[in-house]
Amino acid sequence: MAILAAGLREWNFNKVMRLTKAGCSDATIASAINDDLADRQITVAAPITDVDITSWKVMSKLAGKHSLIAEPTIRALCNIPEPDMSLI
C-alpha cells in the first residue's frame, strides 16, 4: 500500500479541490468524506472536520511547492549531530 500512498494523496487532494471549485464548503466536504467512509465501513479515530480540510489544503499546496522543513532543523530537533564534513 505504501507504493500507492503518494498517488492516493494527490488523487484525494484533486477530488477535494474539485469540490472546492464547485462551490462546496470545507464543512460540506468533511461531511461528505465522513459519510462516504462510514458507508464503506472505514473507521477513523475522529471524524474529519472543516478545519482538517482547510489545513490539509493549505499544507498540501505549500508542500507541493517547497520543502517544509530543512534537514539541519530536523537533526537539531531530533538531537542528531550534524555530519562531520571534514571527512569529505
C-alpha atoms as a PDB file:
ATOM      1  CA  MET A   1       0.000   0.000   0.000  1.00  0.00           C
ATOM      2  CA  ALA A   2       2.906   2.380   0.655  1.00  0.00           C
ATOM      3  CA  ILE A   3       3.767   2.439  -3.034  1.00  0.00           C
ATOM      4  CA  LEU A   4       0.304   3.868  -3.744  1.00  0.00           C
ATOM      5  CA  ALA A   5       0.334   6.441  -0.937  1.00  0.00           C
ATOM      6  CA  ALA A   6       1.693   9.411  -2.902  1.00  0.00           C
ATOM      7  CA  GLY A   7      -0.677   8.796  -5.788  1.00  0.00           C
ATOM      8  CA  LEU A   8      -3.660   8.405  -3.473  1.00  0.00           C
ATOM      9  CA  ARG A   9      -2.784  11.635  -1.646  1.00  0.00           C
ATOM     10  CA  GLU A  10      -2.628  13.539  -4.933  1.00  0.00           C
ATOM     11  CA  TRP A  11      -5.838  11.932  -6.211  1.00  0.00           C
ATOM     12  CA  ASN A  12      -7.708  12.734  -2.993  1.00  0.00           C
ATOM     13  CA  PHE A  13      -6.377  16.298  -2.956  1.00  0.00           C
ATOM     14  CA  ASN A  14      -7.610  16.763  -6.534  1.00  0.00           C
ATOM     15  CA  LYS A  15     -11.047  15.458  -5.540  1.00  0.00           C
ATOM     16  CA  VAL A  16     -11.227  17.922  -2.636  1.00  0.00           C
ATOM     17  CA  MET A  17     -10.136  20.780  -4.898  1.00  0.00           C
ATOM     18  CA  ARG A  18     -12.784  19.814  -7.480  1.00  0.00           C
ATOM     19  CA  LEU A  19     -15.429  20.046  -4.764  1.00  0.00           C
ATOM     20  CA  THR A  20     -13.989  23.370  -3.585  1.00  0.00           C
ATOM     21  CA  LYS A  21     -14.064  24.779  -7.122  1.00  0.00           C
ATOM     22  CA  ALA A  22     -17.653  23.533  -7.468  1.00  0.00           C
ATOM     23  CA  GLY A  23     -18.570  25.752  -4.505  1.00  0.00           C
ATOM     24  CA  CYS A  24     -18.647  23.203  -1.678  1.00  0.00           C
ATOM     25  CA  SER A  25     -17.585  24.498   1.720  1.00  0.00           C
ATOM     26  CA  ASP A  26     -14.913  22.712   3.726  1.00  0.00           C
ATOM     27  CA  ALA A  27     -17.656  21.664   6.175  1.00  0.00           C
ATOM     28  CA  THR A  28     -19.645  20.080   3.334  1.00  0.00           C
ATOM     29  CA  ILE A  29     -16.541  18.304   2.034  1.00  0.00           C
ATOM     30  CA  ALA A  30     -15.721  16.984   5.516  1.00  0.00           C
ATOM     31  CA  SER A  31     -19.281  15.745   5.974  1.00  0.00           C
ATOM     32  CA  ALA A  32     -19.252  14.015   2.585  1.00  0.00           C
ATOM     33  CA  ILE A  33     -15.930  12.323   3.376  1.00  0.00           C
ATOM     34  CA  ASN A  34     -17.210  11.145   6.775  1.00  0.00           C
ATOM     35  CA  ASP A  35     -20.410   9.799   5.211  1.00  0.00           C
ATOM     36  CA  ASP A  36     -18.512   8.033   2.430  1.00  0.00           C
ATOM     37  CA  LEU A  37     -16.023   6.463   4.852  1.00  0.00           C
ATOM     38  CA  ALA A  38     -18.884   5.270   7.064  1.00  0.00           C
ATOM     39  CA  ASP A  39     -20.728   3.828   4.064  1.00  0.00           C
ATOM     40  CA  ARG A  40     -17.593   1.842   3.210  1.00  0.00           C
ATOM     41  CA  GLN A  41     -17.164   0.836   6.881  1.00  0.00           C
ATOM     42  CA  ILE A  42     -13.767   2.558   7.134  1.00  0.00           C
ATOM     43  CA  THR A  43     -13.183   3.617  10.714  1.00  0.00           C
ATOM     44  CA  VAL A  44     -11.290   6.758  11.663  1.00  0.00           C
ATOM     45  CA  ALA A  45     -10.026   7.861  15.070  1.00  0.00           C
ATOM     46  CA  ALA A  46     -12.095  11.058  14.932  1.00  0.00           C
ATOM     47  CA  PRO A  47     -14.479  12.493  12.357  1.00  0.00           C
ATOM     48  CA  ILE A  48     -12.940  14.754   9.715  1.00  0.00           C
ATOM     49  CA  THR A  49     -13.766  18.423  10.340  1.00  0.00           C
ATOM     50  CA  ASP A  50     -13.854  21.518   8.175  1.00  0.00           C
ATOM     51  CA  VAL A  51     -10.692  22.697   9.956  1.00  0.00           C
ATOM     52  CA  ASP A  52      -8.968  19.448   8.907  1.00  0.00           C
ATOM     53  CA  ILE A  53      -9.919  20.081   5.277  1.00  0.00           C
ATOM     54  CA  THR A  54      -8.764  23.706   5.370  1.00  0.00           C
ATOM     55  CA  SER A  55      -5.449  22.765   6.996  1.00  0.00           C
ATOM     56  CA  TRP A  56      -4.882  19.921   4.543  1.00  0.00           C
ATOM     57  CA  LYS A  57      -5.421  22.220   1.564  1.00  0.00           C
ATOM     58  CA  VAL A  58      -3.003  24.811   2.964  1.00  0.00           C
ATOM     59  CA  MET A  59      -0.296  22.262   3.808  1.00  0.00           C
ATOM     60  CA  SER A  60      -0.677  20.309   0.553  1.00  0.00           C
ATOM     61  CA  LYS A  61      -0.342  23.422  -1.583  1.00  0.00           C
ATOM     62  CA  LEU A  62       2.719  24.571   0.359  1.00  0.00           C
ATOM     63  CA  ALA A  63       4.338  21.114   0.385  1.00  0.00           C
ATOM     64  CA  GLY A  64       3.809  20.837  -3.352  1.00  0.00           C
ATOM     65  CA  LYS A  65       5.945  23.919  -3.879  1.00  0.00           C
ATOM     66  CA  HIS A  66       8.571  23.819  -1.128  1.00  0.00           C
ATOM     67  CA  SER A  67      10.376  21.601   1.328  1.00  0.00           C
ATOM     68  CA  LEU A  68       8.571  22.382   4.575  1.00  0.00           C
ATOM     69  CA  ILE A  69      11.469  21.966   6.973  1.00  0.00           C
ATOM     70  CA  ALA A  70      15.211  21.937   6.440  1.00  0.00           C
ATOM     71  CA  GLU A  71      17.263  18.846   7.236  1.00  0.00           C
ATOM     72  CA  PRO A  72      19.502  20.713   9.743  1.00  0.00           C
ATOM     73  CA  THR A  73      16.379  21.760  11.639  1.00  0.00           C
ATOM     74  CA  ILE A  74      15.147  18.173  11.762  1.00  0.00           C
ATOM     75  CA  ARG A  75      18.517  16.971  13.039  1.00  0.00           C
ATOM     76  CA  ALA A  76      18.537  19.689  15.691  1.00  0.00           C
ATOM     77  CA  LEU A  77      15.017  18.852  16.877  1.00  0.00           C
ATOM     78  CA  CYS A  78      15.829  15.125  16.956  1.00  0.00           C
ATOM     79  CA  ASN A  79      19.180  15.666  18.715  1.00  0.00           C
ATOM     80  CA  ILE A  80      21.098  14.156  15.802  1.00  0.00           C
ATOM     81  CA  PRO A  81      24.554  15.680  15.350  1.00  0.00           C
ATOM     82  CA  GLU A  82      25.483  17.434  12.130  1.00  0.00           C
ATOM     83  CA  PRO A  83      27.541  15.227   9.808  1.00  0.00           C
ATOM     84  CA  ASP A  84      31.296  15.710  10.044  1.00  0.00           C
ATOM     85  CA  MET A  85      32.069  17.456   6.744  1.00  0.00           C
ATOM     86  CA  SER A  86      35.818  17.444   7.464  1.00  0.00           C
ATOM     87  CA  LEU A  87      35.979  13.845   6.280  1.00  0.00           C
ATOM     88  CA  ILE A  88      34.784  14.739   2.795  1.00  0.00           C
END
